[in-house]
């Protein structure tokens, strides 16, 4: 049978270990705050690199779309909302003697870095005066492989092409 002294000694030992773990945790938290400051700068650099590579991919995809649908005009987007590409097209519909202008566009933009540490792909699409795409896809920077983001852009462009061709190009 263990005596009260043994129980208190065991308690004392567990108490000391808990205090040591707490002090180690506090020291690790201080170190992680310093790492977080560095990580913020690293996150900005990662975002900038992904953004630049994505912008090139967006440009290639959107220009290919222009090749398949003549009449679209390509332009680069560079404003406070982000960087990317836009294509626009104005058509005149003369059916039933009515003169109607129809506007179509696709815009894919990568917004600036935010402290949320995400990379966003913002999309707006209009086909024949009807908004067909208005979404923002994102990935956290620590889980944002370039290939995945490029596939996201590919699927957006393909979806727009399918919708545009279904509505009579």
Protein backbone atom coordinates (compact mmCIF):
# COMPACT_ATOMS: atom_id res chain seq x y z
CA UNK A 1 0.00 0.00 0.00
CA UNK A 2 1.37 3.39 -0.88
CA UNK A 3 1.50 6.01 1.73
CA UNK A 4 0.30 9.57 1.58
CA UNK A 5 3.91 10.69 1.19
CA UNK A 6 4.28 8.65 -2.01
CA UNK A 7 1.06 10.10 -3.43
CA UNK A 8 2.20 13.64 -2.67
CA UNK A 9 5.64 12.97 -4.16
CA UNK A 10 3.98 11.66 -7.33
CA UNK A 11 1.71 14.72 -7.42
CA UNK A 12 4.69 17.01 -6.86
CA UNK A 13 6.56 15.38 -9.76
CA UNK A 14 3.57 15.69 -12.14
CA UNK A 15 3.10 19.33 -11.04
CA UNK A 16 6.74 20.15 -11.84
CA UNK A 17 6.47 18.48 -15.27
CA UNK A 18 3.29 20.46 -16.01
CA UNK A 19 5.01 23.72 -15.04
CA UNK A 20 8.00 22.82 -17.25
CA UNK A 21 5.69 22.05 -20.19
CA UNK A 22 3.93 25.38 -19.67
CA UNK A 23 7.23 27.28 -19.69
CA UNK A 24 8.34 25.45 -22.85
CA UNK A 25 5.02 26.27 -24.48
CA UNK A 26 5.40 29.96 -23.60
CA UNK A 27 8.93 30.00 -25.01
CA UNK A 28 7.69 28.28 -28.18
CA UNK A 29 4.86 30.84 -28.51
CA UNK A 30 7.38 33.69 -28.34
CA UNK A 31 9.48 32.02 -31.01
CA UNK A 32 6.41 31.41 -33.20
CA UNK A 33 5.46 35.10 -32.99
CA UNK A 34 8.89 35.96 -34.38
CA UNK A 35 8.46 33.26 -37.03
CA UNK A 36 5.02 34.66 -37.86
CA UNK A 37 6.52 38.06 -38.68
CA UNK A 38 8.96 36.34 -40.99
CA UNK A 39 6.16 34.15 -42.30
CA UNK A 40 4.13 37.22 -43.21
CA UNK A 41 6.97 38.43 -45.43
CA UNK A 42 7.39 34.91 -46.81
CA UNK A 43 3.64 34.72 -47.42
CA UNK A 44 3.75 37.98 -49.38
CA UNK A 45 6.61 36.62 -51.48
CA UNK A 46 4.79 33.34 -52.12
CA UNK A 47 1.62 35.23 -53.08
CA UNK A 48 3.55 37.48 -55.46
CA UNK A 49 5.23 34.50 -57.13
CA UNK A 50 1.94 32.59 -57.49
CA UNK A 51 0.19 35.72 -58.74
CA UNK A 52 2.81 36.35 -61.42
CA UNK A 53 2.74 32.77 -62.66
CA UNK A 54 -1.07 32.67 -62.60
CA UNK A 55 -1.35 35.95 -64.50
CA UNK A 56 0.71 34.44 -67.32
CA UNK A 57 -1.48 31.34 -67.34
CA UNK A 58 -4.68 33.40 -67.30
CA UNK A 59 -3.41 35.48 -70.21
CA UNK A 60 -2.62 32.38 -72.29
CA UNK A 61 -6.00 30.77 -71.59
CA UNK A 62 -8.04 33.89 -72.25
CA UNK A 63 -6.15 34.63 -75.48
CA UNK A 64 -6.84 31.07 -76.66
CA UNK A 65 -10.52 31.73 -76.00
CA UNK A 66 -10.26 34.78 -78.28
CA UNK A 67 -8.79 32.53 -80.99
CA UNK A 68 -11.89 30.32 -80.87
CA UNK A 69 -14.41 33.17 -80.67
CA UNK A 70 -13.41 36.00 -83.03
CA UNK A 71 -14.68 39.41 -82.08
CA UNK A 72 -13.46 39.40 -78.47
CA UNK A 73 -10.97 42.10 -77.57
CA UNK A 74 -8.28 41.24 -75.05
CA UNK A 75 -7.02 43.62 -72.37
CA UNK A 76 -4.80 43.35 -69.33
CA UNK A 77 -6.34 44.19 -65.96
CA UNK A 78 -4.17 46.09 -63.52
CA UNK A 79 -6.07 48.04 -60.89
CA UNK A 80 -6.88 48.18 -57.17
CA UNK A 81 -8.97 45.00 -57.50
CA UNK A 82 -6.02 43.01 -58.78
CA UNK A 83 -4.12 41.76 -61.80
CA UNK A 84 -5.35 39.59 -64.62
CA UNK A 85 -7.05 39.53 -68.01
CA UNK A 86 -10.32 40.57 -69.58
CA UNK A 87 -11.99 39.92 -72.90
CA UNK A 88 -15.01 41.84 -74.14
CA UNK A 89 -17.26 41.65 -77.15
CA UNK A 90 -20.15 43.79 -78.37
CA UNK A 91 -22.64 42.22 -80.75
CA UNK A 92 -25.69 43.66 -82.48
CA UNK A 93 -28.74 41.42 -82.65
CA UNK A 94 -31.00 42.34 -85.57
CA UNK A 95 -33.67 39.69 -85.04
CA UNK A 96 -37.31 40.61 -85.66
CA UNK A 97 -36.36 44.08 -86.83
CA UNK A 98 -35.15 45.07 -83.37
CA UNK A 99 -31.69 46.53 -83.03
CA UNK A 100 -30.31 45.19 -79.73
CA UNK A 101 -26.75 45.48 -78.44
CA UNK A 102 -25.43 42.42 -76.62
CA UNK A 103 -22.40 42.62 -74.39
CA UNK A 104 -20.20 39.66 -73.39
CA UNK A 105 -17.09 39.58 -71.24
CA UNK A 106 -14.87 37.38 -69.12
CA UNK A 107 -12.59 38.82 -66.47
CA UNK A 108 -10.25 36.77 -64.30
CA UNK A 109 -8.30 38.67 -61.66
CA UNK A 110 -5.91 37.79 -58.84
CA UNK A 111 -6.59 40.26 -55.97
CA UNK A 112 -3.71 41.72 -53.92
CA UNK A 113 -2.25 39.95 -50.88
CA UNK A 114 -4.37 40.02 -47.76
CA UNK A 115 -3.52 39.06 -44.20
CA UNK A 116 -5.84 36.07 -44.61
CA UNK A 117 -2.89 34.50 -46.47
CA UNK A 118 -4.90 33.23 -49.38
CA UNK A 119 -4.58 33.45 -53.12
CA UNK A 120 -7.88 34.28 -54.81
CA UNK A 121 -9.10 33.88 -58.36
CA UNK A 122 -11.97 36.35 -58.88
CA UNK A 123 -14.12 35.77 -61.95
CA UNK A 124 -16.85 37.76 -63.65
CA UNK A 125 -18.50 36.57 -66.81
CA UNK A 126 -21.33 38.01 -68.87
CA UNK A 127 -22.84 36.44 -71.96
CA UNK A 128 -25.29 38.41 -74.09
CA UNK A 129 -26.05 40.91 -71.30
CA UNK A 130 -26.61 38.15 -68.71
CA UNK A 131 -24.19 37.59 -65.86
CA UNK A 132 -23.18 33.94 -65.97
CA UNK A 133 -20.15 33.84 -63.68
CA UNK A 134 -19.49 35.81 -60.53
CA UNK A 135 -17.38 33.93 -58.08
CA UNK A 136 -14.23 33.94 -56.08
CA UNK A 137 -12.23 30.76 -55.65
CA UNK A 138 -9.38 30.69 -53.18
CA UNK A 139 -6.73 28.52 -51.63
CA UNK A 140 -4.69 29.13 -48.50
CA UNK A 141 -1.10 29.94 -49.40
CA UNK A 142 0.23 26.96 -47.45
CA UNK A 143 -2.07 24.73 -49.55
CA UNK A 144 -1.92 26.38 -52.98
CA UNK A 145 0.05 24.36 -55.50
CA UNK A 146 0.41 26.24 -58.78
CA UNK A 147 -0.97 23.28 -60.76
CA UNK A 148 -4.21 23.32 -58.74
CA UNK A 149 -4.65 27.05 -59.29
CA UNK A 150 -3.95 26.67 -63.01
CA UNK A 151 -6.55 23.90 -63.24
CA UNK A 152 -9.00 26.24 -61.51
CA UNK A 153 -8.36 28.89 -64.18
CA UNK A 154 -8.65 26.27 -66.94
CA UNK A 155 -12.04 25.12 -65.69
CA UNK A 156 -13.31 28.72 -65.49
CA UNK A 157 -12.30 29.44 -69.09
CA UNK A 158 -13.72 26.13 -70.30
CA UNK A 159 -17.01 26.76 -68.47
CA UNK A 160 -17.29 30.22 -70.06
CA UNK A 161 -16.51 28.81 -73.52
CA UNK A 162 -19.19 26.15 -73.14
CA UNK A 163 -21.78 28.68 -71.98
CA UNK A 164 -20.86 31.16 -74.72
CA UNK A 165 -21.05 28.56 -77.47
CA UNK A 166 -24.39 27.27 -76.10
CA UNK A 167 -25.83 30.78 -76.37
CA UNK A 168 -24.84 31.13 -80.01
CA UNK A 169 -21.43 32.48 -80.78
